[in-house]
C-alpha atoms as a PDB file:
ATOM      1  CA  MET A   1     205.720  25.438 183.703  1.00  0.00           C
ATOM      2  CA  SER A   2     209.483  24.087 182.869  1.00  0.00           C
ATOM      3  CA  ARG A   3     210.118  23.062 179.140  1.00  0.00           C
ATOM      4  CA  ILE A   4     212.407  20.139 178.182  1.00  0.00           C
ATOM      5  CA  LYS A   5     215.226  20.837 176.125  1.00  0.00           C
ATOM      6  CA  THR A   6     216.411  18.465 173.820  1.00  0.00           C
ATOM      7  CA  VAL A   7     219.975  18.498 171.867  1.00  0.00           C
ATOM      8  CA  GLN A   8     220.706  16.416 169.216  1.00  0.00           C
ATOM      9  CA  PHE A   9     224.161  15.352 168.110  1.00  0.00           C
ATOM     10  CA  VAL A  10     225.215  14.275 164.545  1.00  0.00           C
ATOM     11  CA  SER A  11     228.492  12.580 163.856  1.00  0.00           C
ATOM     12  CA  LEU A  12     228.035  12.672 159.984  1.00  0.00           C
ATOM     13  CA  ARG A  13     225.557  14.522 157.814  1.00  0.00           C
ATOM     14  CA  GLU A  14     222.575  12.884 155.764  1.00  0.00           C
ATOM     15  CA  ASN A  15     223.668  11.870 152.446  1.00  0.00           C
ATOM     16  CA  GLN A  16     227.315  12.842 153.000  1.00  0.00           C
ATOM     17  CA  VAL A  17     228.706   9.580 151.813  1.00  0.00           C
ATOM     18  CA  SER A  18     227.896   8.934 148.045  1.00  0.00           C
ATOM     19  CA  MET A  19     225.979   6.342 147.019  1.00  0.00           C
ATOM     20  CA  PHE A  20     228.591   5.107 144.459  1.00  0.00           C
ATOM     21  CA  TRP A  21     230.557   3.460 147.300  1.00  0.00           C
ATOM     22  CA  GLN A  22     227.808   0.804 146.740  1.00  0.00           C
ATOM     23  CA  ILE A  23     228.585  -0.088 143.358  1.00  0.00           C
ATOM     24  CA  PRO A  24     231.796  -2.522 144.204  1.00  0.00           C
ATOM     25  CA  GLN A  25     229.631  -3.997 146.677  1.00  0.00           C
ATOM     26  CA  TYR A  26     227.148  -4.852 144.458  1.00  0.00           C
ATOM     27  CA  VAL A  27     229.242  -5.776 141.616  1.00  0.00           C
ATOM     28  CA  VAL A  28     230.882  -8.591 143.970  1.00  0.00           C
ATOM     29  CA  ILE A  29     228.117  -9.757 145.477  1.00  0.00           C
ATOM     30  CA  THR A  30     226.408 -10.123 141.694  1.00  0.00           C
ATOM     31  CA  CYS A  31     229.467 -12.094 140.359  1.00  0.00           C
ATOM     32  CA  GLY A  32     229.161 -14.486 143.605  1.00  0.00           C
ATOM     33  CA  GLU A  33     225.479 -15.298 142.916  1.00  0.00           C
ATOM     34  CA  ILE A  34     226.055 -15.625 139.600  1.00  0.00           C
ATOM     35  CA  LEU A  35     229.142 -17.748 139.851  1.00  0.00           C
ATOM     36  CA  PHE A  36     227.290 -19.808 142.567  1.00  0.00           C
ATOM     37  CA  SER A  37     224.031 -20.437 140.793  1.00  0.00           C
ATOM     38  CA  ILE A  38     225.448 -21.607 137.363  1.00  0.00           C
ATOM     39  CA  THR A  39     227.594 -24.062 139.115  1.00  0.00           C
ATOM     40  CA  GLY A  40     224.718 -25.546 141.253  1.00  0.00           C
ATOM     41  CA  LEU A  41     222.075 -25.658 138.468  1.00  0.00           C
ATOM     42  CA  SER A  42     224.697 -27.128 136.138  1.00  0.00           C
ATOM     43  CA  PHE A  43     225.679 -29.689 139.008  1.00  0.00           C
ATOM     44  CA  ALA A  44     221.906 -30.289 139.445  1.00  0.00           C
ATOM     45  CA  TYR A  45     221.239 -30.700 135.925  1.00  0.00           C
ATOM     46  CA  SER A  46     223.912 -32.912 134.998  1.00  0.00           C
ATOM     47  CA  GLN A  47     223.502 -35.288 138.126  1.00  0.00           C
ATOM     48  CA  ALA A  48     219.707 -35.804 137.972  1.00  0.00           C
ATOM     49  CA  PRO A  49     217.559 -38.134 135.877  1.00  0.00           C
ATOM     50  CA  THR A  50     215.579 -36.866 133.044  1.00  0.00           C
ATOM     51  CA  SER A  51     212.195 -37.040 134.970  1.00  0.00           C
ATOM     52  CA  MET A  52     213.783 -35.115 137.766  1.00  0.00           C
ATOM     53  CA  LYS A  53     215.736 -32.222 136.204  1.00  0.00           C
ATOM     54  CA  SER A  54     212.867 -29.732 136.157  1.00  0.00           C
ATOM     55  CA  VAL A  55     212.052 -30.596 139.832  1.00  0.00           C
ATOM     56  CA  LEU A  56     215.632 -30.296 140.827  1.00  0.00           C
ATOM     57  CA  GLN A  57     215.811 -26.560 139.046  1.00  0.00           C
ATOM     58  CA  ALA A  58     212.520 -25.554 140.632  1.00  0.00           C
ATOM     59  CA  ALA A  59     213.754 -26.365 144.231  1.00  0.00           C
ATOM     60  CA  TRP A  60     216.843 -24.383 143.494  1.00  0.00           C
ATOM     61  CA  LEU A  61     214.916 -21.334 142.840  1.00  0.00           C
ATOM     62  CA  MET A  62     212.541 -22.282 145.712  1.00  0.00           C
ATOM     63  CA  THR A  63     215.506 -21.834 148.238  1.00  0.00           C
ATOM     64  CA  VAL A  64     216.645 -18.608 146.647  1.00  0.00           C
ATOM     65  CA  ALA A  65     213.180 -17.063 146.906  1.00  0.00           C
ATOM     66  CA  PHE A  66     212.763 -18.745 150.589  1.00  0.00           C
ATOM     67  CA  GLY A  67     216.055 -17.152 151.320  1.00  0.00           C
ATOM     68  CA  ASN A  68     214.899 -13.811 149.839  1.00  0.00           C
ATOM     69  CA  LEU A  69     212.042 -14.124 151.964  1.00  0.00           C
ATOM     70  CA  VAL A  70     213.750 -14.531 155.123  1.00  0.00           C
ATOM     71  CA  VAL A  71     215.735 -11.252 154.214  1.00  0.00           C
ATOM     72  CA  ILE A  72     212.421  -9.505 153.515  1.00  0.00           C
ATOM     73  CA  VAL A  73     210.927 -10.661 157.145  1.00  0.00           C
ATOM     74  CA  PHE A  74     213.914  -9.753 158.887  1.00  0.00           C
ATOM     75  CA  ALA A  75     214.535  -6.250 157.297  1.00  0.00           C
ATOM     76  CA  GLU A  76     210.839  -5.415 157.691  1.00  0.00           C
ATOM     77  CA  ALA A  77     210.316  -6.630 161.036  1.00  0.00           C
ATOM     78  CA  ARG A  78     212.967  -3.944 162.276  1.00  0.00           C
ATOM     79  CA  LEU A  79     213.949  -5.967 165.339  1.00  0.00           C
ATOM     80  CA  VAL A  80     217.074  -3.874 165.369  1.00  0.00           C
ATOM     81  CA  GLN A  81     216.677  -0.194 164.404  1.00  0.00           C
ATOM     82  CA  ARG A  82     220.265   0.441 163.788  1.00  0.00           C
ATOM     83  CA  GLN A  83     222.018  -0.385 160.448  1.00  0.00           C
ATOM     84  CA  VAL A  84     225.360  -2.177 161.572  1.00  0.00           C
ATOM     85  CA  PRO A  85     223.629  -4.458 164.201  1.00  0.00           C
ATOM     86  CA  SER A  86     221.271  -5.661 161.435  1.00  0.00           C
ATOM     87  CA  LEU A  87     223.825  -6.627 159.021  1.00  0.00           C
ATOM     88  CA  TYR A  88     225.402  -8.749 161.965  1.00  0.00           C
ATOM     89  CA  VAL A  89     221.915 -10.529 162.405  1.00  0.00           C
ATOM     90  CA  PHE A  90     222.220 -11.337 158.512  1.00  0.00           C
ATOM     91  CA  LEU A  91     225.859 -12.373 158.997  1.00  0.00           C
ATOM     92  CA  CYS A  92     224.818 -14.682 162.147  1.00  0.00           C
ATOM     93  CA  LEU A  93     221.814 -16.136 159.876  1.00  0.00           C
ATOM     94  CA  SER A  94     224.504 -16.924 157.175  1.00  0.00           C
ATOM     95  CA  PHE A  95     226.419 -18.491 159.305  1.00  0.00           C
ATOM     96  CA  PHE A  96     223.634 -20.461 160.963  1.00  0.00           C
ATOM     97  CA  THR A  97     222.419 -21.644 157.516  1.00  0.00           C
ATOM     98  CA  THR A  98     225.898 -22.556 155.868  1.00  0.00           C
ATOM     99  CA  SER A  99     226.612 -24.785 159.241  1.00  0.00           C
ATOM    100  CA  PHE A 100     223.865 -26.696 157.925  1.00  0.00           C
ATOM    101  CA  VAL A 101     225.698 -27.226 154.870  1.00  0.00           C
ATOM    102  CA  PHE A 102     229.213 -28.140 156.046  1.00  0.00           C
ATOM    103  CA  PHE A 103     227.985 -29.842 159.458  1.00  0.00           C
ATOM    104  CA  PRO A 104     224.783 -32.101 158.460  1.00  0.00           C
END
């Protein structure tokens, strides 16, 4: 009976890169989201009639929730096993949704 011998090559050991490298990324993303949300909600609140202000704010928050749901579905579906191609999928989704804003 012949035995199959497998060899695994690892270019970077696990937990070699510190998690502190993510802190600047989270700071930038959080600042961008805060600035975008404040501007959008302020514009929607100032331009809406009195009877529609809460409806517009609810619609704004619903689109944020829908975006988070899309991210969860794509992340948990694991259509792409590696991390870098999955980030490219999110990049393409971002460009796709942004194109609807600039080119309706």
